[in-house]
C-alpha atoms as a PDB file:
ATOM      1  CA  MET A   1      51.177  -6.593  58.026  1.00  0.00           C
ATOM      2  CA  ARG A   2      53.268  -8.773  55.853  1.00  0.00           C
ATOM      3  CA  LEU A   3      52.952  -9.433  52.110  1.00  0.00           C
ATOM      4  CA  GLY A   4      52.206 -12.980  53.053  1.00  0.00           C
ATOM      5  CA  ASP A   5      49.210 -11.876  55.263  1.00  0.00           C
ATOM      6  CA  ILE A   6      47.786  -9.765  52.498  1.00  0.00           C
ATOM      7  CA  ALA A   7      48.076 -12.690  50.064  1.00  0.00           C
ATOM      8  CA  HIS A   8      46.318 -15.003  52.519  1.00  0.00           C
ATOM      9  CA  ALA A   9      43.592 -12.413  53.242  1.00  0.00           C
ATOM     10  CA  PHE A  10      43.001 -12.258  49.512  1.00  0.00           C
ATOM     11  CA  VAL A  11      42.844 -16.066  49.313  1.00  0.00           C
ATOM     12  CA  LEU A  12      40.153 -16.087  51.913  1.00  0.00           C
ATOM     13  CA  PHE A  13      38.181 -13.405  50.112  1.00  0.00           C
ATOM     14  CA  ASN A  14      38.620 -15.062  46.678  1.00  0.00           C
ATOM     15  CA  THR A  15      37.674 -18.431  47.927  1.00  0.00           C
ATOM     16  CA  VAL A  16      34.465 -17.441  49.504  1.00  0.00           C
ATOM     17  CA  ALA A  17      33.656 -15.264  46.416  1.00  0.00           C
ATOM     18  CA  PHE A  18      34.130 -18.288  44.175  1.00  0.00           C
ATOM     19  CA  MET A  19      31.932 -20.510  46.423  1.00  0.00           C
ATOM     20  CA  LEU A  20      29.205 -17.817  46.328  1.00  0.00           C
ATOM     21  CA  ALA A  21      29.404 -17.378  42.703  1.00  0.00           C
ATOM     22  CA  VAL A  22      28.979 -21.174  42.105  1.00  0.00           C
ATOM     23  CA  ILE A  23      25.909 -21.189  44.456  1.00  0.00           C
ATOM     24  CA  VAL A  24      24.324 -18.161  42.957  1.00  0.00           C
ATOM     25  CA  ASP A  25      24.879 -19.392  39.465  1.00  0.00           C
ATOM     26  CA  ALA A  26      23.340 -22.763  40.371  1.00  0.00           C
ATOM     27  CA  LEU A  27      20.315 -20.849  41.552  1.00  0.00           C
ATOM     28  CA  GLY A  28      20.124 -19.377  37.980  1.00  0.00           C
ATOM     29  CA  LEU A  29      20.798 -15.853  39.185  1.00  0.00           C
ATOM     30  CA  LEU A  30      23.793 -15.225  36.950  1.00  0.00           C
ATOM     31  CA  SER A  31      23.491 -14.638  33.301  1.00  0.00           C
ATOM     32  CA  GLY A  32      25.477 -13.389  30.255  1.00  0.00           C
ATOM     33  CA  VAL A  33      29.137 -12.941  30.690  1.00  0.00           C
ATOM     34  CA  PHE A  34      28.864 -13.456  34.407  1.00  0.00           C
ATOM     35  CA  ALA A  35      27.412 -16.985  34.075  1.00  0.00           C
ATOM     36  CA  LEU A  36      29.638 -19.910  34.644  1.00  0.00           C
ATOM     37  CA  SER A  37      30.372 -22.419  31.865  1.00  0.00           C
ATOM     38  CA  GLY A  38      27.573 -24.870  31.254  1.00  0.00           C
ATOM     39  CA  SER A  39      30.031 -27.920  31.188  1.00  0.00           C
ATOM     40  CA  PHE A  40      31.507 -26.797  34.482  1.00  0.00           C
ATOM     41  CA  LYS A  41      28.014 -26.451  36.085  1.00  0.00           C
ATOM     42  CA  LYS A  42      26.991 -29.930  34.825  1.00  0.00           C
ATOM     43  CA  HIS A  43      30.060 -31.962  35.865  1.00  0.00           C
ATOM     44  CA  GLY A  44      31.587 -29.846  38.634  1.00  0.00           C
ATOM     45  CA  PHE A  45      34.849 -29.828  36.586  1.00  0.00           C
ATOM     46  CA  CYS A  46      35.930 -28.788  33.247  1.00  0.00           C
ATOM     47  CA  VAL A  47      36.273 -32.273  31.753  1.00  0.00           C
ATOM     48  CA  THR A  48      38.136 -32.710  28.574  1.00  0.00           C
ATOM     49  CA  ALA A  49      37.542 -35.846  26.228  1.00  0.00           C
ATOM     50  CA  PRO A  50      35.556 -37.873  28.773  1.00  0.00           C
ATOM     51  CA  ALA A  51      35.614 -41.211  26.952  1.00  0.00           C
ATOM     52  CA  THR A  52      39.267 -41.186  26.153  1.00  0.00           C
ATOM     53  CA  LEU A  53      42.649 -41.695  27.920  1.00  0.00           C
ATOM     54  CA  ALA A  54      43.047 -37.911  27.485  1.00  0.00           C
ATOM     55  CA  ASN A  55      40.217 -37.403  30.053  1.00  0.00           C
ATOM     56  CA  SER A  56      40.960 -34.444  32.307  1.00  0.00           C
ATOM     57  CA  HIS A  57      40.870 -36.743  35.448  1.00  0.00           C
ATOM     58  CA  LEU A  58      43.484 -38.961  33.840  1.00  0.00           C
ATOM     59  CA  LEU A  59      45.619 -35.943  32.761  1.00  0.00           C
ATOM     60  CA  CYS A  60      45.394 -34.817  36.462  1.00  0.00           C
ATOM     61  CA  PHE A  61      46.588 -38.344  37.472  1.00  0.00           C
ATOM     62  CA  TYR A  62      49.521 -38.410  34.892  1.00  0.00           C
ATOM     63  CA  GLY A  63      50.693 -34.885  35.672  1.00  0.00           C
ATOM     64  CA  ASP A  64      50.344 -35.175  39.510  1.00  0.00           C
ATOM     65  CA  THR A  65      52.335 -38.319  39.556  1.00  0.00           C
ATOM     66  CA  ILE A  66      55.158 -36.700  37.703  1.00  0.00           C
ATOM     67  CA  GLY A  67      54.755 -33.515  39.743  1.00  0.00           C
ATOM     68  CA  ALA A  68      54.803 -35.445  43.059  1.00  0.00           C
ATOM     69  CA  LEU A  69      57.948 -37.193  42.096  1.00  0.00           C
ATOM     70  CA  ALA A  70      59.626 -33.896  41.112  1.00  0.00           C
ATOM     71  CA  VAL A  71      58.440 -32.290  44.365  1.00  0.00           C
ATOM     72  CA  ALA A  72      59.648 -35.170  46.422  1.00  0.00           C
ATOM     73  CA  ILE A  73      63.232 -35.154  44.857  1.00  0.00           C
ATOM     74  CA  LEU A  74      63.484 -31.472  45.259  1.00  0.00           C
ATOM     75  CA  GLY A  75      62.187 -31.422  48.717  1.00  0.00           C
ATOM     76  CA  ARG A  76      64.614 -34.116  49.650  1.00  0.00           C
ATOM     77  CA  SER A  77      67.556 -32.280  47.987  1.00  0.00           C
ATOM     78  CA  GLY A  78      66.569 -29.004  49.750  1.00  0.00           C
ATOM     79  CA  ALA A  79      66.426 -30.742  53.159  1.00  0.00           C
ATOM     80  CA  ARG A  80      69.795 -32.506  52.575  1.00  0.00           C
ATOM     81  CA  SER A  81      71.357 -29.099  51.714  1.00  0.00           C
ATOM     82  CA  GLY A  82      69.899 -27.377  54.821  1.00  0.00           C
ATOM     83  CA  THR A  83      68.080 -24.880  52.667  1.00  0.00           C
ATOM     84  CA  LYS A  84      65.585 -22.761  54.615  1.00  0.00           C
ATOM     85  CA  GLY A  85      61.975 -22.426  53.540  1.00  0.00           C
ATOM     86  CA  VAL A  86      61.774 -25.575  51.462  1.00  0.00           C
ATOM     87  CA  ASP A  87      60.180 -27.835  54.172  1.00  0.00           C
ATOM     88  CA  ALA A  88      56.772 -26.819  52.569  1.00  0.00           C
ATOM     89  CA  VAL A  89      57.872 -28.382  49.396  1.00  0.00           C
ATOM     90  CA  ALA A  90      59.029 -31.577  51.032  1.00  0.00           C
ATOM     91  CA  ARG A  91      55.733 -32.030  52.918  1.00  0.00           C
ATOM     92  CA  SER A  92      53.570 -31.566  49.662  1.00  0.00           C
ATOM     93  CA  SER A  93      54.690 -34.593  47.529  1.00  0.00           C
ATOM     94  CA  ALA A  94      52.317 -37.036  49.158  1.00  0.00           C
ATOM     95  CA  GLY A  95      49.329 -34.676  48.868  1.00  0.00           C
ATOM     96  CA  VAL A  96      50.116 -33.889  45.200  1.00  0.00           C
ATOM     97  CA  PHE A  97      50.154 -37.673  44.485  1.00  0.00           C
ATOM     98  CA  GLY A  98      47.011 -38.403  46.562  1.00  0.00           C
ATOM     99  CA  HIS A  99      45.331 -35.559  44.630  1.00  0.00           C
ATOM    100  CA  GLY A 100      46.127 -37.423  41.288  1.00  0.00           C
ATOM    101  CA  VAL A 101      44.901 -40.613  42.735  1.00  0.00           C
ATOM    102  CA  ALA A 102      41.596 -38.931  43.656  1.00  0.00           C
ATOM    103  CA  HIS A 103      41.166 -38.025  40.053  1.00  0.00           C
ATOM    104  CA  LEU A 104      41.987 -41.497  38.937  1.00  0.00           C
ATOM    105  CA  ALA A 105      39.161 -42.651  41.159  1.00  0.00           C
ATOM    106  CA  LEU A 106      36.794 -40.044  39.748  1.00  0.00           C
ATOM    107  CA  TRP A 107      37.593 -41.274  36.132  1.00  0.00           C
ATOM    108  CA  ASN A 108      37.014 -44.766  37.348  1.00  0.00           C
ATOM    109  CA  ALA A 109      33.548 -43.671  38.755  1.00  0.00           C
ATOM    110  CA  GLY A 110      32.659 -42.019  35.518  1.00  0.00           C
ATOM    111  CA  GLY A 111      33.873 -38.514  36.372  1.00  0.00           C
ATOM    112  CA  ALA A 112      30.695 -36.692  35.390  1.00  0.00           C
ATOM    113  CA  PHE A 113      28.916 -36.034  38.683  1.00  0.00           C
ATOM    114  CA  GLY A 114      26.276 -33.784  37.289  1.00  0.00           C
ATOM    115  CA  ASP A 115      24.675 -36.755  35.428  1.00  0.00           C
ATOM    116  CA  VAL A 116      24.712 -38.913  38.470  1.00  0.00           C
ATOM    117  CA  ALA A 117      22.777 -36.981  41.171  1.00  0.00           C
ATOM    118  CA  ALA A 118      21.729 -33.437  42.018  1.00  0.00           C
ATOM    119  CA  GLY A 119      21.183 -33.813  45.775  1.00  0.00           C
ATOM    120  CA  PRO A 120      23.384 -34.708  48.687  1.00  0.00           C
ATOM    121  CA  ARG A 121      24.737 -38.264  48.822  1.00  0.00           C
ATOM    122  CA  ILE A 122      23.056 -38.903  52.204  1.00  0.00           C
ATOM    123  CA  PHE A 123      19.749 -39.526  50.368  1.00  0.00           C
ATOM    124  CA  GLU A 124      21.383 -42.086  47.944  1.00  0.00           C
ATOM    125  CA  PRO A 125      20.803 -45.805  48.579  1.00  0.00           C
ATOM    126  CA  VAL A 126      24.435 -46.746  48.961  1.00  0.00           C
ATOM    127  CA  PRO A 127      25.557 -49.975  50.599  1.00  0.00           C
ATOM    128  CA  ALA A 128      27.308 -49.402  54.012  1.00  0.00           C
ATOM    129  CA  GLY A 129      30.562 -50.878  52.769  1.00  0.00           C
ATOM    130  CA  GLU A 130      30.693 -48.682  49.758  1.00  0.00           C
ATOM    131  CA  GLY A 131      29.837 -45.584  51.859  1.00  0.00           C
ATOM    132  CA  LEU A 132      32.734 -46.496  54.394  1.00  0.00           C
ATOM    133  CA  VAL A 133      35.135 -46.952  51.613  1.00  0.00           C
ATOM    134  CA  ARG A 134      34.374 -43.612  50.088  1.00  0.00           C
ATOM    135  CA  LEU A 135      34.618 -41.918  53.535  1.00  0.00           C
ATOM    136  CA  ALA A 136      37.917 -43.601  54.240  1.00  0.00           C
ATOM    137  CA  GLY A 137      39.256 -42.522  50.854  1.00  0.00           C
ATOM    138  CA  LEU A 138      38.109 -38.945  51.251  1.00  0.00           C
ATOM    139  CA  THR A 139      39.746 -38.879  54.738  1.00  0.00           C
ATOM    140  CA  VAL A 140      43.213 -39.919  53.432  1.00  0.00           C
ATOM    141  CA  PHE A 141      42.708 -37.437  50.513  1.00  0.00           C
ATOM    142  CA  PHE A 142      42.077 -34.469  52.769  1.00  0.00           C
ATOM    143  CA  GLY A 143      44.624 -35.794  55.353  1.00  0.00           C
ATOM    144  CA  LEU A 144      47.488 -35.765  52.905  1.00  0.00           C
ATOM    145  CA  LEU A 145      46.637 -32.270  51.659  1.00  0.00           C
ATOM    146  CA  PHE A 146      46.073 -30.723  55.064  1.00  0.00           C
ATOM    147  CA  ARG A 147      49.326 -32.266  56.451  1.00  0.00           C
ATOM    148  CA  SER A 148      51.281 -30.459  53.696  1.00  0.00           C
ATOM    149  CA  VAL A 149      50.485 -27.262  55.524  1.00  0.00           C
ATOM    150  CA  GLY A 150      52.747 -27.160  58.602  1.00  0.00           C
ATOM    151  CA  SER A 151      50.612 -24.621  60.500  1.00  0.00           C
ATOM    152  CA  ILE A 152      47.530 -27.001  60.560  1.00  0.00           C
ATOM    153  CA  SER A 153      47.899 -28.474  64.207  1.00  0.00           C
ATOM    154  CA  ALA A 154      45.265 -31.253  63.700  1.00  0.00           C
ATOM    155  CA  PRO A 155      45.207 -32.147  60.011  1.00  0.00           C
ATOM    156  CA  TRP A 156      43.548 -35.505  60.470  1.00  0.00           C
ATOM    157  CA  LEU A 157      40.730 -34.169  62.579  1.00  0.00           C
ATOM    158  CA  HIS A 158      39.997 -31.550  59.765  1.00  0.00           C
ATOM    159  CA  SER A 159      40.260 -34.441  57.314  1.00  0.00           C
ATOM    160  CA  VAL A 160      37.528 -36.527  59.064  1.00  0.00           C
ATOM    161  CA  LEU A 161      35.183 -33.671  59.470  1.00  0.00           C
ATOM    162  CA  HIS A 162      35.484 -32.463  55.813  1.00  0.00           C
ATOM    163  CA  ALA A 163      35.476 -36.052  54.379  1.00  0.00           C
ATOM    164  CA  ALA A 164      32.225 -36.627  56.231  1.00  0.00           C
ATOM    165  CA  THR A 165      30.579 -33.491  55.037  1.00  0.00           C
ATOM    166  CA  LEU A 166      31.677 -34.004  51.473  1.00  0.00           C
ATOM    167  CA  SER A 167      30.663 -37.661  51.514  1.00  0.00           C
ATOM    168  CA  LEU A 168      27.236 -37.170  52.989  1.00  0.00           C
ATOM    169  CA  LEU A 169      26.004 -33.596  52.556  1.00  0.00           C
ATOM    170  CA  VAL A 170      27.537 -32.071  49.395  1.00  0.00           C
ATOM    171  CA  PRO A 171      25.775 -32.654  46.117  1.00  0.00           C
ATOM    172  CA  PRO A 172      28.245 -34.421  43.829  1.00  0.00           C
ATOM    173  CA  ARG A 173      28.569 -31.651  41.169  1.00  0.00           C
ATOM    174  CA  PHE A 174      29.730 -29.233  43.827  1.00  0.00           C
ATOM    175  CA  SER A 175      32.524 -31.546  45.129  1.00  0.00           C
ATOM    176  CA  PHE A 176      35.309 -29.523  43.564  1.00  0.00           C
ATOM    177  CA  THR A 177      33.956 -26.224  44.949  1.00  0.00           C
ATOM    178  CA  TYR A 178      33.735 -27.693  48.441  1.00  0.00           C
ATOM    179  CA  VAL A 179      37.094 -29.220  48.327  1.00  0.00           C
ATOM    180  CA  GLN A 180      38.741 -25.895  47.224  1.00  0.00           C
ATOM    181  CA  THR A 181      36.698 -23.989  49.762  1.00  0.00           C
ATOM    182  CA  ALA A 182      37.599 -26.297  52.654  1.00  0.00           C
ATOM    183  CA  LEU A 183      41.276 -26.620  51.811  1.00  0.00           C
ATOM    184  CA  MET A 184      41.949 -22.935  51.021  1.00  0.00           C
ATOM    185  CA  LEU A 185      40.063 -21.559  54.083  1.00  0.00           C
ATOM    186  CA  VAL A 186      41.582 -23.897  56.634  1.00  0.00           C
ATOM    187  CA  ALA A 187      45.039 -23.444  55.205  1.00  0.00           C
ATOM    188  CA  SER A 188      45.102 -19.627  54.990  1.00  0.00           C
ATOM    189  CA  VAL A 189      43.451 -19.185  58.381  1.00  0.00           C
ATOM    190  CA  CYS A 190      46.102 -21.382  59.991  1.00  0.00           C
ATOM    191  CA  GLU A 191      48.965 -19.731  58.014  1.00  0.00           C
ATOM    192  CA  LEU A 192      47.656 -16.264  59.096  1.00  0.00           C
ATOM    193  CA  GLY A 193      47.924 -17.401  62.695  1.00  0.00           C
ATOM    194  CA  ARG A 194      51.581 -18.517  62.491  1.00  0.00           C
ATOM    195  CA  ALA A 195      53.999 -16.940  64.789  1.00  0.00           C
ATOM    196  CA  ASP A 196      57.189 -17.699  62.776  1.00  0.00           C
ATOM    197  CA  LYS A 197      56.553 -15.665  59.746  1.00  0.00           C
ATOM    198  CA  ASP A 198      59.445 -14.772  57.502  1.00  0.00           C
ATOM    199  CA  ILE A 199      60.267 -14.033  53.963  1.00  0.00           C
ATOM    200  CA  PHE A 200      59.761 -17.612  52.928  1.00  0.00           C
ATOM    201  CA  TYR A 201      56.264 -17.323  54.368  1.00  0.00           C
ATOM    202  CA  ASP A 202      55.606 -14.318  52.181  1.00  0.00           C
ATOM    203  CA  VAL A 203      56.943 -15.786  49.052  1.00  0.00           C
ATOM    204  CA  HIS A 204      55.193 -19.134  49.577  1.00  0.00           C
ATOM    205  CA  ALA A 205      51.878 -17.270  50.021  1.00  0.00           C
ATOM    206  CA  LEU A 206      52.353 -15.206  46.903  1.00  0.00           C
ATOM    207  CA  MET A 207      53.703 -18.048  44.732  1.00  0.00           C
ATOM    208  CA  VAL A 208      51.835 -21.156  45.875  1.00  0.00           C
ATOM    209  CA  SER A 209      48.762 -20.229  47.927  1.00  0.00           C
ATOM    210  CA  LEU A 210      47.553 -17.279  45.857  1.00  0.00           C
ATOM    211  CA  PRO A 211      47.636 -18.536  42.206  1.00  0.00           C
ATOM    212  CA  VAL A 212      45.521 -21.613  42.449  1.00  0.00           C
ATOM    213  CA  GLY A 213      42.337 -19.624  43.305  1.00  0.00           C
ATOM    214  CA  PHE A 214      42.668 -17.918  39.972  1.00  0.00           C
ATOM    215  CA  PHE A 215      42.739 -21.107  38.091  1.00  0.00           C
ATOM    216  CA  GLY A 216      39.444 -22.020  39.719  1.00  0.00           C
ATOM    217  CA  TRP A 217      37.876 -18.919  38.139  1.00  0.00           C
ATOM    218  CA  LEU A 218      39.591 -19.684  34.901  1.00  0.00           C
ATOM    219  CA  GLU A 219      38.193 -23.191  34.808  1.00  0.00           C
ATOM    220  CA  ALA A 220      34.679 -22.145  35.701  1.00  0.00           C
ATOM    221  CA  MET A 221      34.446 -19.156  33.387  1.00  0.00           C
ATOM    222  CA  SER A 222      36.289 -20.384  30.301  1.00  0.00           C
ATOM    223  CA  CYS A 223      35.675 -24.078  30.165  1.00  0.00           C
ATOM    224  CA  ASP A 224      33.279 -24.002  27.093  1.00  0.00           C
ATOM    225  CA  VAL A 225      35.260 -21.114  25.618  1.00  0.00           C
ATOM    226  CA  PHE A 226      38.601 -22.884  25.117  1.00  0.00           C
ATOM    227  CA  LEU A 227      39.755 -24.771  28.252  1.00  0.00           C
ATOM    228  CA  ILE A 228      37.687 -27.941  27.466  1.00  0.00           C
ATOM    229  CA  ASN A 229      39.704 -28.420  24.385  1.00  0.00           C
ATOM    230  CA  MET A 230      43.087 -27.884  26.271  1.00  0.00           C
ATOM    231  CA  GLY A 231      43.146 -30.269  29.185  1.00  0.00           C
ATOM    232  CA  GLY A 232      40.306 -28.741  31.231  1.00  0.00           C
ATOM    233  CA  HIS A 233      40.662 -29.233  34.960  1.00  0.00           C
ATOM    234  CA  ALA A 234      44.145 -30.615  34.568  1.00  0.00           C
ATOM    235  CA  TRP A 235      45.559 -27.201  34.465  1.00  0.00           C
ATOM    236  CA  TYR A 236      44.190 -26.448  37.941  1.00  0.00           C
ATOM    237  CA  ASP A 237      45.951 -29.626  39.389  1.00  0.00           C
ATOM    238  CA  TRP A 238      49.176 -29.006  37.502  1.00  0.00           C
ATOM    239  CA  SER A 239      49.321 -25.281  38.725  1.00  0.00           C
ATOM    240  CA  ILE A 240      49.796 -26.534  42.239  1.00  0.00           C
ATOM    241  CA  TRP A 241      52.984 -28.625  41.763  1.00  0.00           C
ATOM    242  CA  ILE A 242      54.289 -26.158  39.188  1.00  0.00           C
ATOM    243  CA  SER A 243      54.049 -23.418  41.715  1.00  0.00           C
ATOM    244  CA  LEU A 244      55.770 -25.549  44.341  1.00  0.00           C
ATOM    245  CA  ILE A 245      58.576 -26.289  41.959  1.00  0.00           C
ATOM    246  CA  ALA A 246      58.948 -22.561  41.076  1.00  0.00           C
ATOM    247  CA  TYR A 247      58.856 -21.630  44.789  1.00  0.00           C
ATOM    248  CA  TYR A 248      61.567 -24.208  45.448  1.00  0.00           C
ATOM    249  CA  PHE A 249      63.972 -22.545  43.225  1.00  0.00           C
ATOM    250  CA  VAL A 250      63.246 -19.159  44.413  1.00  0.00           C
ATOM    251  CA  ALA A 251      63.699 -20.173  47.998  1.00  0.00           C
ATOM    252  CA  ARG A 252      66.854 -22.028  47.415  1.00  0.00           C
ATOM    253  CA  TYR A 253      68.707 -19.771  44.837  1.00  0.00           C
ATOM    254  CA  ALA A 254      67.124 -16.288  45.128  1.00  0.00           C
ATOM    255  CA  LEU A 255      66.173 -15.701  48.730  1.00  0.00           C
ATOM    256  CA  PRO A 256      68.640 -14.910  51.582  1.00  0.00           C
ATOM    257  CA  GLN A 257      69.446 -17.844  53.843  1.00  0.00           C
ATOM    258  CA  ASP A 258      70.772 -15.866  56.670  1.00  0.00           C
ATOM    259  CA  GLY A 259      67.423 -14.406  57.885  1.00  0.00           C
ATOM    260  CA  ALA A 260      68.589 -10.827  57.225  1.00  0.00           C
ATOM    261  CA  VAL A 261      65.105  -9.756  55.923  1.00  0.00           C
ATOM    262  CA  ALA A 262      63.084 -12.200  57.958  1.00  0.00           C
ATOM    263  CA  GLN A 263      61.371  -9.464  60.100  1.00  0.00           C
ATOM    264  CA  LYS A 264      60.551  -7.113  57.136  1.00  0.00           C
ATOM    265  CA  LYS A 265      56.969  -6.082  57.215  1.00  0.00           C
ATOM    266  CA  ILE A 266      54.715  -3.679  55.402  1.00  0.00           C
ATOM    267  CA  ALA A 267      53.727  -0.596  57.391  1.00  0.00           C
END
């Protein structure tokens, strides 16, 4: 078993654990230090300064736009140089930008889902045109993120299925939890099934796939303690492209390009 396999197995465990924690907390079964932050439970995100231009959703858009540009430049540079292992970076720029645009849309819609509706949207009296626009937007959102993972063989099929589920069946304040669960589970399962695993697979799993789940816990547990005053959910978004940039420099300048350790495994 490789280090990357261990990392992705933990991602699966951590993602399911987070989802269950959110569900159990919503049922009122968690209390004290184990309870999630009230602001996170209400809005589904840790939202900073909701009535200002420093709103967490806008901070996500600002940061993700910058991050997407940086990732695109680095990915193109790595591809031109023939550097191995940076294709994952090159594929991610559109997904990072799309993620930011999604937060811009959330800001435009009000960004505080917990105050809008408690139940699934399928029960909302929404005009057909508005529902189709939302479904199309979510399909593109999921698609750009799924296609950044090269091992996902049918990214747009996954996108349609998860966009429909999120659009119709998931209560709005659980949108973040559903998106994280869908993306992380599909990505890690597909990555574990890869046949071309090498040291770049291991390092990418450790530096990019693994950290984001910890930021989910940080947001949910510490929102009212301190994170709400420091950017809130923006740190979750930023952690993704910051991890990609860090991985790029490690892959290009610190890892061997000759494949000498490509087959190294853990006993």
